[in-house]
Structure formats: C-alpha cells, structure tokens
C-alpha atoms as a PDB file:
ATOM      1  CA  MET A   1     -84.698 -38.909  -3.744  1.00  0.00           C
ATOM      2  CA  ARG A   2     -84.727 -35.676  -1.641  1.00  0.00           C
ATOM      3  CA  GLU A   3     -83.313 -33.473  -4.403  1.00  0.00           C
ATOM      4  CA  LYS A   4     -85.825 -34.810  -6.868  1.00  0.00           C
ATOM      5  CA  ILE A   5     -88.707 -34.115  -4.429  1.00  0.00           C
ATOM      6  CA  LEU A   6     -87.344 -30.627  -3.866  1.00  0.00           C
ATOM      7  CA  ALA A   7     -87.077 -29.933  -7.608  1.00  0.00           C
ATOM      8  CA  LEU A   8     -90.674 -30.910  -8.055  1.00  0.00           C
ATOM      9  CA  ILE A   9     -92.278 -28.966  -5.233  1.00  0.00           C
ATOM     10  CA  GLU A  10     -90.058 -25.869  -5.668  1.00  0.00           C
ATOM     11  CA  ASN A  11     -92.101 -24.911  -8.771  1.00  0.00           C
ATOM     12  CA  ASN A  12     -95.479 -26.421  -7.621  1.00  0.00           C
ATOM     13  CA  SER A  13     -95.999 -26.892  -3.955  1.00  0.00           C
ATOM     14  CA  ARG A  14     -99.583 -28.015  -4.615  1.00  0.00           C
ATOM     15  CA  LEU A  15     -98.335 -31.457  -5.827  1.00  0.00           C
ATOM     16  CA  THR A  16     -99.691 -34.194  -3.551  1.00  0.00           C
ATOM     17  CA  VAL A  17     -97.721 -37.057  -2.159  1.00  0.00           C
ATOM     18  CA  PRO A  18     -99.393 -39.571  -4.521  1.00  0.00           C
ATOM     19  CA  GLU A  19     -98.550 -37.271  -7.522  1.00  0.00           C
ATOM     20  CA  ILE A  20     -94.935 -36.943  -6.425  1.00  0.00           C
ATOM     21  CA  ALA A  21     -94.606 -40.620  -5.827  1.00  0.00           C
ATOM     22  CA  ALA A  22     -96.022 -41.423  -9.257  1.00  0.00           C
ATOM     23  CA  MET A  23     -93.665 -38.870 -10.934  1.00  0.00           C
ATOM     24  CA  LEU A  24     -90.707 -40.449  -9.143  1.00  0.00           C
ATOM     25  CA  SER A  25     -91.860 -44.069  -9.406  1.00  0.00           C
ATOM     26  CA  ALA A  26     -91.547 -44.280  -5.688  1.00  0.00           C
ATOM     27  CA  ARG A  27     -93.768 -45.492  -2.835  1.00  0.00           C
ATOM     28  CA  GLU A  28     -96.108 -42.864  -1.273  1.00  0.00           C
ATOM     29  CA  GLU A  29     -94.951 -43.782   2.251  1.00  0.00           C
ATOM     30  CA  ASP A  30     -91.313 -43.135   1.238  1.00  0.00           C
ATOM     31  CA  VAL A  31     -92.129 -39.772  -0.283  1.00  0.00           C
ATOM     32  CA  ALA A  32     -94.239 -38.714   2.745  1.00  0.00           C
ATOM     33  CA  ARG A  33     -91.426 -39.686   5.167  1.00  0.00           C
ATOM     34  CA  GLU A  34     -88.811 -37.788   3.096  1.00  0.00           C
ATOM     35  CA  ILE A  35     -90.966 -34.621   2.957  1.00  0.00           C
ATOM     36  CA  GLU A  36     -91.661 -34.879   6.763  1.00  0.00           C
ATOM     37  CA  GLY A  37     -88.015 -35.305   7.418  1.00  0.00           C
ATOM     38  CA  MET A  38     -86.986 -32.293   5.309  1.00  0.00           C
ATOM     39  CA  GLU A  39     -89.627 -30.177   7.142  1.00  0.00           C
ATOM     40  CA  ASP A  40     -88.231 -31.255  10.471  1.00  0.00           C
ATOM     41  CA  GLU A  41     -84.670 -30.439   9.310  1.00  0.00           C
ATOM     42  CA  HIS A  42     -85.754 -26.990   7.929  1.00  0.00           C
ATOM     43  CA  ILE A  43     -84.801 -27.965   4.471  1.00  0.00           C
ATOM     44  CA  ILE A  44     -88.367 -27.266   3.505  1.00  0.00           C
ATOM     45  CA  CYS A  45     -89.072 -24.023   5.344  1.00  0.00           C
ATOM     46  CA  GLY A  46     -92.618 -23.261   4.204  1.00  0.00           C
ATOM     47  CA  TYR A  47     -95.103 -23.369   1.375  1.00  0.00           C
ATOM     48  CA  HIS A  48     -96.144 -20.128  -0.262  1.00  0.00           C
ATOM     49  CA  THR A  49     -98.633 -18.931  -2.761  1.00  0.00           C
ATOM     50  CA  MET A  50     -97.647 -16.246  -5.261  1.00  0.00           C
ATOM     51  CA  ILE A  51    -100.453 -13.640  -5.728  1.00  0.00           C
ATOM     52  CA  ASN A  52    -100.621 -10.800  -8.201  1.00  0.00           C
ATOM     53  CA  TRP A  53    -101.968  -8.224  -5.809  1.00  0.00           C
ATOM     54  CA  ASP A  54    -102.190  -5.701  -8.657  1.00  0.00           C
ATOM     55  CA  LYS A  55    -105.289  -7.600  -9.828  1.00  0.00           C
ATOM     56  CA  THR A  56    -107.057  -7.237  -6.580  1.00  0.00           C
ATOM     57  CA  LYS A  57    -108.589  -4.282  -4.767  1.00  0.00           C
ATOM     58  CA  ASP A  58    -106.040  -4.544  -1.956  1.00  0.00           C
ATOM     59  CA  GLU A  59    -103.477  -1.775  -2.173  1.00  0.00           C
ATOM     60  CA  ARG A  60     -99.967  -2.841  -1.332  1.00  0.00           C
ATOM     61  CA  VAL A  61     -96.445  -1.420  -1.593  1.00  0.00           C
ATOM     62  CA  ASP A  62     -93.330  -3.566  -1.791  1.00  0.00           C
ATOM     63  CA  ALA A  63     -89.984  -1.954  -1.054  1.00  0.00           C
ATOM     64  CA  LEU A  64     -86.396  -3.063  -1.175  1.00  0.00           C
ATOM     65  CA  ILE A  65     -84.154  -1.343   1.361  1.00  0.00           C
ATOM     66  CA  GLU A  66     -80.381  -1.369   1.144  1.00  0.00           C
ATOM     67  CA  VAL A  67     -78.867  -1.212   4.542  1.00  0.00           C
ATOM     68  CA  LYS A  68     -75.264  -0.487   5.586  1.00  0.00           C
ATOM     69  CA  VAL A  69     -74.323  -1.485   9.126  1.00  0.00           C
ATOM     70  CA  THR A  70     -71.437  -1.764  11.491  1.00  0.00           C
ATOM     71  CA  PRO A  71     -71.010  -5.512  12.369  1.00  0.00           C
ATOM     72  CA  GLN A  72     -70.860  -6.241  16.060  1.00  0.00           C
ATOM     73  CA  ARG A  73     -67.677  -7.644  17.535  1.00  0.00           C
ATOM     74  CA  GLY A  74     -67.899 -11.382  18.220  1.00  0.00           C
ATOM     75  CA  MET A  75     -71.310 -11.656  16.448  1.00  0.00           C
ATOM     76  CA  GLY A  76     -70.800 -10.276  13.034  1.00  0.00           C
ATOM     77  CA  PHE A  77     -73.934  -9.610  11.127  1.00  0.00           C
ATOM     78  CA  ASP A  78     -76.118 -12.289  12.671  1.00  0.00           C
ATOM     79  CA  SER A  79     -77.382 -10.364  15.753  1.00  0.00           C
ATOM     80  CA  ILE A  80     -78.213  -7.332  13.625  1.00  0.00           C
ATOM     81  CA  ALA A  81     -80.060  -9.537  11.138  1.00  0.00           C
ATOM     82  CA  GLU A  82     -82.031 -11.172  13.936  1.00  0.00           C
ATOM     83  CA  ARG A  83     -83.164  -7.750  15.282  1.00  0.00           C
ATOM     84  CA  ILE A  84     -84.219  -6.639  11.784  1.00  0.00           C
ATOM     85  CA  PHE A  85     -86.107  -9.787  10.786  1.00  0.00           C
ATOM     86  CA  GLN A  86     -88.187  -9.678  14.010  1.00  0.00           C
ATOM     87  CA  TYR A  87     -90.239  -6.805  12.589  1.00  0.00           C
ATOM     88  CA  GLU A  88     -93.554  -7.940  11.108  1.00  0.00           C
ATOM     89  CA  GLU A  89     -93.118  -5.566   8.169  1.00  0.00           C
ATOM     90  CA  VAL A  90     -89.951  -7.506   7.035  1.00  0.00           C
ATOM     91  CA  ASP A  91     -90.841 -10.070   4.393  1.00  0.00           C
ATOM     92  CA  SER A  92     -87.260 -11.119   3.483  1.00  0.00           C
ATOM     93  CA  LEU A  93     -83.781 -10.266   4.638  1.00  0.00           C
ATOM     94  CA  PHE A  94     -80.494 -11.128   2.883  1.00  0.00           C
ATOM     95  CA  LEU A  95     -76.825 -10.514   3.759  1.00  0.00           C
ATOM     96  CA  MET A  96     -75.213  -9.140   0.616  1.00  0.00           C
ATOM     97  CA  SER A  97     -71.783  -8.718  -0.845  1.00  0.00           C
ATOM     98  CA  GLY A  98     -70.908  -5.380  -2.439  1.00  0.00           C
ATOM     99  CA  ALA A  99     -71.689  -1.738  -1.540  1.00  0.00           C
ATOM    100  CA  PHE A 100     -74.199  -2.471   1.263  1.00  0.00           C
ATOM    101  CA  ASP A 101     -74.639  -5.219   3.825  1.00  0.00           C
ATOM    102  CA  PHE A 102     -78.350  -6.192   3.882  1.00  0.00           C
ATOM    103  CA  THR A 103     -81.337  -6.172   1.530  1.00  0.00           C
ATOM    104  CA  VAL A 104     -84.539  -5.887   3.396  1.00  0.00           C
ATOM    105  CA  MET A 105     -87.745  -6.582   1.510  1.00  0.00           C
ATOM    106  CA  ILE A 106     -90.790  -5.171   3.192  1.00  0.00           C
ATOM    107  CA  LYS A 107     -94.539  -4.944   2.418  1.00  0.00           C
ATOM    108  CA  GLY A 108     -96.717  -2.079   3.411  1.00  0.00           C
ATOM    109  CA  LYS A 109    -100.124  -0.595   2.620  1.00  0.00           C
ATOM    110  CA  THR A 110     -98.729   2.763   1.566  1.00  0.00           C
ATOM    111  CA  MET A 111     -95.431   4.439   0.769  1.00  0.00           C
ATOM    112  CA  LYS A 112     -95.875   6.477   3.939  1.00  0.00           C
ATOM    113  CA  GLU A 113     -96.085   3.220   5.962  1.00  0.00           C
ATOM    114  CA  VAL A 114     -92.805   2.115   4.394  1.00  0.00           C
ATOM    115  CA  ALA A 115     -91.189   5.446   5.069  1.00  0.00           C
ATOM    116  CA  ASN A 116     -92.295   5.324   8.689  1.00  0.00           C
ATOM    117  CA  PHE A 117     -90.812   1.821   9.127  1.00  0.00           C
ATOM    118  CA  VAL A 118     -87.462   3.004   7.711  1.00  0.00           C
ATOM    119  CA  SER A 119     -87.394   6.264   9.731  1.00  0.00           C
ATOM    120  CA  MET A 120     -88.844   5.038  13.027  1.00  0.00           C
ATOM    121  CA  LYS A 121     -87.622   1.483  13.343  1.00  0.00           C
ATOM    122  CA  LEU A 122     -84.793   0.598  10.916  1.00  0.00           C
ATOM    123  CA  SER A 123     -82.617   3.702  10.672  1.00  0.00           C
ATOM    124  CA  PRO A 124     -82.480   4.460  14.437  1.00  0.00           C
ATOM    125  CA  MET A 125     -80.872   1.106  15.179  1.00  0.00           C
ATOM    126  CA  GLU A 126     -77.369   1.787  16.573  1.00  0.00           C
ATOM    127  CA  SER A 127     -75.607  -0.503  14.067  1.00  0.00           C
ATOM    128  CA  VAL A 128     -77.329   1.005  11.052  1.00  0.00           C
ATOM    129  CA  LEU A 129     -75.117   3.502   9.175  1.00  0.00           C
ATOM    130  CA  SER A 130     -77.353   4.234   6.191  1.00  0.00           C
ATOM    131  CA  THR A 131     -80.353   3.052   4.225  1.00  0.00           C
ATOM    132  CA  ALA A 132     -81.594   3.506   0.637  1.00  0.00           C
ATOM    133  CA  THR A 133     -85.261   2.622  -0.185  1.00  0.00           C
ATOM    134  CA  HIS A 134     -86.472   1.426  -3.537  1.00  0.00           C
ATOM    135  CA  PHE A 135     -90.132   0.850  -4.282  1.00  0.00           C
ATOM    136  CA  VAL A 136     -91.287  -1.874  -6.602  1.00  0.00           C
ATOM    137  CA  LEU A 137     -93.249  -0.238  -9.395  1.00  0.00           C
ATOM    138  CA  LYS A 138     -94.212  -3.390 -11.349  1.00  0.00           C
ATOM    139  CA  ARG A 139     -93.421  -7.117 -11.113  1.00  0.00           C
ATOM    140  CA  TYR A 140     -92.713  -8.866 -14.399  1.00  0.00           C
ATOM    141  CA  LYS A 141     -91.336 -12.106 -12.965  1.00  0.00           C
ATOM    142  CA  ASP A 142     -91.012 -13.327  -9.430  1.00  0.00           C
ATOM    143  CA  HIS A 143     -89.546 -16.602  -8.079  1.00  0.00           C
ATOM    144  CA  GLY A 144     -89.299 -17.866 -11.666  1.00  0.00           C
ATOM    145  CA  THR A 145     -92.927 -17.168 -12.430  1.00  0.00           C
ATOM    146  CA  ILE A 146     -94.005 -14.578 -15.037  1.00  0.00           C
ATOM    147  CA  ILE A 147     -96.562 -12.472 -13.238  1.00  0.00           C
ATOM    148  CA  ASP A 148     -98.308 -10.841 -16.203  1.00  0.00           C
ATOM    149  CA  GLU A 149     -97.719 -11.372 -19.944  1.00  0.00           C
ATOM    150  CA  VAL A 150     -96.007  -8.367 -21.428  1.00  0.00           C
ATOM    151  CA  ARG A 151     -98.490  -6.989 -23.987  1.00  0.00           C
ATOM    152  CA  GLU A 152     -97.398  -5.712 -27.379  1.00  0.00           C
ATOM    153  CA  ASP A 153     -97.339  -1.948 -27.636  1.00  0.00           C
ATOM    154  CA  GLU A 154    -100.809  -0.892 -28.672  1.00  0.00           C
ATOM    155  CA  ARG A 155     -99.705   2.419 -30.258  1.00  0.00           C
ATOM    156  CA  MET A 156    -100.025   2.712 -33.934  1.00  0.00           C
ATOM    157  CA  LYS A 157     -96.764   1.737 -35.686  1.00  0.00           C
ATOM    158  CA  VAL A 158     -95.361   4.487 -37.918  1.00  0.00           C
ATOM    159  CA  SER A 159     -92.668   3.808 -40.463  1.00  0.00           C
ATOM    160  CA  LEU A 160     -90.640   6.257 -42.483  1.00  0.00           C
END
C-alpha cells in the first residue's frame, strides 16, 4: 500500500486521506497510519507547493552551481555536503557522478546575491577546488510539471 500512496501524493500532495483511501479502496485509518509511519521514517520528507514566481512581482534568481571538492579522509563527501546544505541559500544539494562532485541549487533575490554566496561562502571552503555557476533563465518543466505552456511563434510565417 505504501508505494501506491507515494505514487498518488508525489504528483498531488493536496489529496486528503479520505480521497486516497477511496482511490485505493482502503480504510481511512490504514491510509492515515501508513502516511504517518512514512513521515516518521523520513520516506515522506515534506510537502511542497510549486510556484511560478515569474508570474508574481517577487524578483527571484535560481542558480545551479557545479562544485568540485577534495573528499575528506574517513568521511568522503558527507561532511562537506553537511557544511554546504546548512546555508539557508541552499535549496537542494546533490552528489553527482561525472566531471564535478556536487550540484548546489540556490535561490537569491539578485544575481549579485548569488555571486556573493559563491565568492564569500562556498568557494572559500577548504575542500572546494572550483565552482561553475549557471543561472536559470526560464523554467519550462519542473518536477514533472509544465510551468507555462509554450506558445506558438507569433511572428508572421513567410514561405518561399
């Protein structure tokens, strides 16, 4: 039952326990107990709302930062990751395979704020060898959700 509950709420965390129970032909008490158990076990780690900030007056900048580090003896990447994810600017942190070690996703009010985070907090860490910052220019799809329908090109079509 757990996997079925997770599949339902992964795409719509607003589903209520009675709605989930009806979809699964299960008792509400059983569904509520499973959800509570998965929260306690950190299988369900949170509930989030996806917002298209471009349609608000709030100015925001999202950046993806590639980080190369020197792993620490006896601790590998975990201790470095813990130091990085403690910063409030860090929205997501992933250990990667390939040319760099971590992907750090951060949110800021301006590009300068992001640049200050990288230059004043992230780059000076003793284990950090290099960083490469990429700014998100436009979101088309995020977490499986289309953010804004792609409009057809409004320019006049010319044929030869």
